[in-house]
Amino acid sequence: MSADHRFLIAQIAQGDKQALAALYRALERPVYKFIVSRLNDPVEASDILHDVFMEVWRSAGRFEGRSKVQTWIFGIAYRKSIDAMRKRGRMDLTDETPDMADDGPDQETCLAAGQEAEHVRYCLGTLKDDHRSAITLAFYQDMTYGEIAEVAGVPEGTVKTRIFHAKKLLMRCLSGRVERGMA
């Protein structure tokens, strides 16, 4: 798939709008989820998603191929999210993420899964932005530490440290629910 993305970027650099549409369809959902995880605002995330792909359109000719296309695009999304948070004047967001509909077949199973997902979202929301971003990219986007380091513009060791501490904080938060008898 990475080779397909590289081909699409080359086509976009030549002004191919169909290639941009294809790349958008391929990466829209994961990039949007990443932006929402940072901003906790679906409307603003949609605006930033649009801005990200406009930047891809404008910058495709400058893509050097030193990373995966997906990593490059997530880097754009990361920087645009940071800019949006700075404009809001707050870097540490504590708002809960919006509820998402759960399409499970069994009502009881859906309710339990929904409660678990809600608690995971709550615990993710308690993390500092850098920790939450590292966890989101590693576990929801399946990026390597090196790719996350490139997206965030930090050394790979910093990413490893952030994920280590974020996992400890998440385990503490999630185990607190079990100890209170809420599982």
Protein backbone atom coordinates (compact mmCIF):
# COMPACT_ATOMS: atom_id res chain seq x y z
CA MET A 1 0.00 0.00 0.00
CA SER A 2 2.89 2.35 0.71
CA ALA A 3 4.01 2.05 -2.93
CA ASP A 4 0.45 2.97 -3.99
CA HIS A 5 0.60 6.05 -1.76
CA ARG A 6 3.95 7.06 -3.27
CA PHE A 7 2.49 6.69 -6.77
CA LEU A 8 -0.51 8.83 -5.76
CA ILE A 9 1.76 11.56 -4.32
CA ALA A 10 3.74 11.61 -7.57
CA GLN A 11 0.47 11.97 -9.49
CA ILE A 12 -0.75 14.71 -7.13
CA ALA A 13 2.51 16.58 -7.70
CA GLN A 14 1.60 16.57 -11.40
CA GLY A 15 -1.81 18.14 -10.59
CA ASP A 16 -3.92 14.95 -10.70
CA LYS A 17 -7.08 15.65 -8.69
CA GLN A 18 -8.24 12.03 -9.03
CA ALA A 19 -5.06 10.90 -7.28
CA LEU A 20 -5.76 13.34 -4.44
CA ALA A 21 -9.29 11.96 -4.16
CA ALA A 22 -7.92 8.40 -4.03
CA LEU A 23 -5.35 9.28 -1.36
CA TYR A 24 -8.03 11.11 0.62
CA ARG A 25 -10.32 8.05 0.52
CA ALA A 26 -7.44 5.81 1.64
CA LEU A 27 -6.31 7.95 4.59
CA GLU A 28 -9.31 10.09 5.55
CA ARG A 29 -10.56 7.90 8.41
CA PRO A 30 -7.25 7.28 10.26
CA VAL A 31 -6.10 10.90 9.88
CA TYR A 32 -9.49 12.20 11.07
CA LYS A 33 -9.46 9.86 14.10
CA PHE A 34 -5.96 11.02 14.97
CA ILE A 35 -6.97 14.69 14.78
CA VAL A 36 -10.11 14.09 16.88
CA SER A 37 -8.01 12.26 19.47
CA ARG A 38 -5.89 15.39 19.85
CA LEU A 39 -8.61 18.06 19.74
CA ASN A 40 -11.75 16.33 21.08
CA ASP A 41 -13.77 18.42 18.61
CA PRO A 42 -15.22 16.61 15.56
CA VAL A 43 -16.13 19.84 13.74
CA GLU A 44 -12.69 21.37 14.15
CA ALA A 45 -11.13 18.00 13.27
CA SER A 46 -13.05 18.00 9.97
CA ASP A 47 -11.76 21.48 9.18
CA ILE A 48 -8.19 20.46 9.97
CA LEU A 49 -8.56 17.27 7.91
CA HIS A 50 -9.49 19.46 4.96
CA ASP A 51 -6.49 21.71 5.65
CA VAL A 52 -4.18 18.67 5.83
CA PHE A 53 -5.20 17.44 2.40
CA MET A 54 -5.01 20.94 0.95
CA GLU A 55 -1.43 21.02 2.25
CA VAL A 56 -0.83 17.62 0.61
CA TRP A 57 -2.10 19.08 -2.66
CA ARG A 58 0.18 22.11 -2.37
CA SER A 59 3.24 20.22 -1.10
CA ALA A 60 3.18 16.91 -2.99
CA GLY A 61 5.99 18.07 -5.25
CA ARG A 62 8.22 18.64 -2.22
CA PHE A 63 7.68 15.13 -0.78
CA GLU A 64 11.19 13.65 -0.73
CA GLY A 65 10.29 10.04 -0.06
CA ARG A 66 12.45 9.74 3.06
CA SER A 67 9.42 8.39 4.97
CA LYS A 68 6.16 6.67 4.23
CA VAL A 69 3.51 8.91 2.70
CA GLN A 70 1.24 8.11 5.66
CA THR A 71 3.92 9.26 8.11
CA TRP A 72 4.37 12.50 6.16
CA ILE A 73 0.62 13.16 6.18
CA PHE A 74 0.29 12.39 9.89
CA GLY A 75 3.15 14.85 10.47
CA ILE A 76 1.15 17.53 8.68
CA ALA A 77 -1.93 16.63 10.77
CA TYR A 78 0.16 16.71 13.96
CA ARG A 79 1.50 20.21 13.23
CA LYS A 80 -1.90 21.56 12.19
CA SER A 81 -3.44 20.16 15.40
CA ILE A 82 -0.73 21.84 17.48
CA ASP A 83 -1.44 25.12 15.66
CA ALA A 84 -5.16 24.78 16.38
CA MET A 85 -4.50 24.11 20.08
CA ARG A 86 -2.22 27.12 20.27
CA LYS A 87 -4.88 29.30 18.68
CA ARG A 88 -7.28 28.12 21.35
CA GLY A 89 -4.67 29.01 23.94
CA ARG A 90 -4.62 25.65 25.65
CA MET A 91 -2.27 22.78 25.09
CA ASP A 92 -3.54 20.31 27.67
CA LEU A 93 -7.05 19.23 26.75
CA THR A 94 -9.18 17.49 29.33
CA ASP A 95 -12.52 17.36 27.50
CA GLU A 96 -13.91 13.91 26.85
CA THR A 97 -13.98 12.65 23.30
CA PRO A 98 -17.41 12.58 21.69
CA ASP A 99 -19.46 9.42 22.05
CA MET A 100 -19.41 7.16 19.04
CA ALA A 101 -22.24 4.77 18.16
CA ASP A 102 -21.52 1.09 18.80
CA ASP A 103 -22.97 -1.36 16.25
CA GLY A 104 -22.80 -4.64 18.21
CA PRO A 105 -25.51 -7.28 17.78
CA ASP A 106 -26.28 -7.92 21.47
CA GLN A 107 -27.59 -5.04 23.57
CA GLU A 108 -25.93 -6.19 26.79
CA THR A 109 -22.62 -6.82 25.03
CA CYS A 110 -22.90 -3.44 23.35
CA LEU A 111 -23.55 -1.74 26.66
CA ALA A 112 -20.56 -3.42 28.33
CA ALA A 113 -18.32 -2.70 25.34
CA GLY A 114 -19.55 0.88 25.26
CA GLN A 115 -18.78 1.32 28.94
CA GLU A 116 -15.31 -0.15 28.46
CA ALA A 117 -14.67 2.06 25.43
CA GLU A 118 -15.92 5.08 27.35
CA HIS A 119 -13.54 4.27 30.19
CA VAL A 120 -10.61 3.82 27.79
CA ARG A 121 -11.49 7.20 26.18
CA TYR A 122 -11.70 8.71 29.66
CA CYS A 123 -8.29 7.30 30.58
CA LEU A 124 -6.77 8.46 27.30
CA GLY A 125 -8.21 11.89 28.03
CA THR A 126 -6.33 12.06 31.33
CA LEU A 127 -2.99 11.75 29.55
CA LYS A 128 -0.88 14.73 28.56
CA ASP A 129 -1.17 15.55 24.87
CA ASP A 130 2.28 14.17 23.99
CA HIS A 131 1.54 10.85 25.71
CA ARG A 132 -1.93 10.58 24.16
CA SER A 133 -0.53 11.28 20.68
CA ALA A 134 2.20 8.67 21.03
CA ILE A 135 -0.29 6.02 22.22
CA THR A 136 -2.78 6.90 19.47
CA LEU A 137 -0.18 6.65 16.72
CA ALA A 138 1.35 3.45 18.10
CA PHE A 139 -1.78 1.48 18.90
CA TYR A 140 -4.49 2.92 16.68
CA GLN A 141 -2.37 3.75 13.62
CA ASP A 142 0.19 0.91 14.01
CA MET A 143 3.15 3.25 13.53
CA THR A 144 6.65 2.29 14.59
CA TYR A 145 8.55 4.34 17.15
CA GLY A 146 10.66 5.76 14.34
CA GLU A 147 7.58 6.86 12.41
CA ILE A 148 6.04 8.43 15.51
CA ALA A 149 9.31 10.25 16.18
CA GLU A 150 9.22 11.64 12.65
CA VAL A 151 5.57 12.74 12.98
CA ALA A 152 6.18 14.42 16.35
CA GLY A 153 9.61 15.81 15.45
CA VAL A 154 11.31 14.27 18.49
CA PRO A 155 14.00 11.59 18.98
CA GLU A 156 12.89 7.96 18.94
CA GLY A 157 14.01 7.56 22.57
CA THR A 158 11.58 10.30 23.58
CA VAL A 159 8.76 8.39 21.89
CA LYS A 160 9.72 5.21 23.74
CA THR A 161 9.72 7.08 27.04
CA ARG A 162 6.36 8.72 26.32
CA ILE A 163 4.75 5.39 25.45
CA PHE A 164 6.27 3.70 28.51
CA HIS A 165 4.90 6.37 30.85
CA ALA A 166 1.56 6.57 29.04
CA LYS A 167 1.09 2.79 29.37
CA LYS A 168 1.79 2.98 33.10
CA LEU A 169 -0.69 5.84 33.52
CA LEU A 170 -3.32 4.04 31.44
CA MET A 171 -2.90 0.83 33.43
CA ARG A 172 -3.26 2.75 36.68
CA CYS A 173 -6.42 4.47 35.42
CA LEU A 174 -7.93 1.28 33.97
CA SER A 175 -7.08 -0.84 37.02
CA GLY A 176 -8.65 1.80 39.25
CA ARG A 177 -11.97 0.99 37.64
CA VAL A 178 -11.55 -2.73 38.35
CA GLU A 179 -10.63 -2.06 41.98
CA ARG A 180 -13.76 0.07 42.42
CA GLY A 181 -15.86 -2.85 41.14
CA MET A 182 -16.99 -1.10 37.99
CA ALA A 183 -15.80 -3.73 35.51
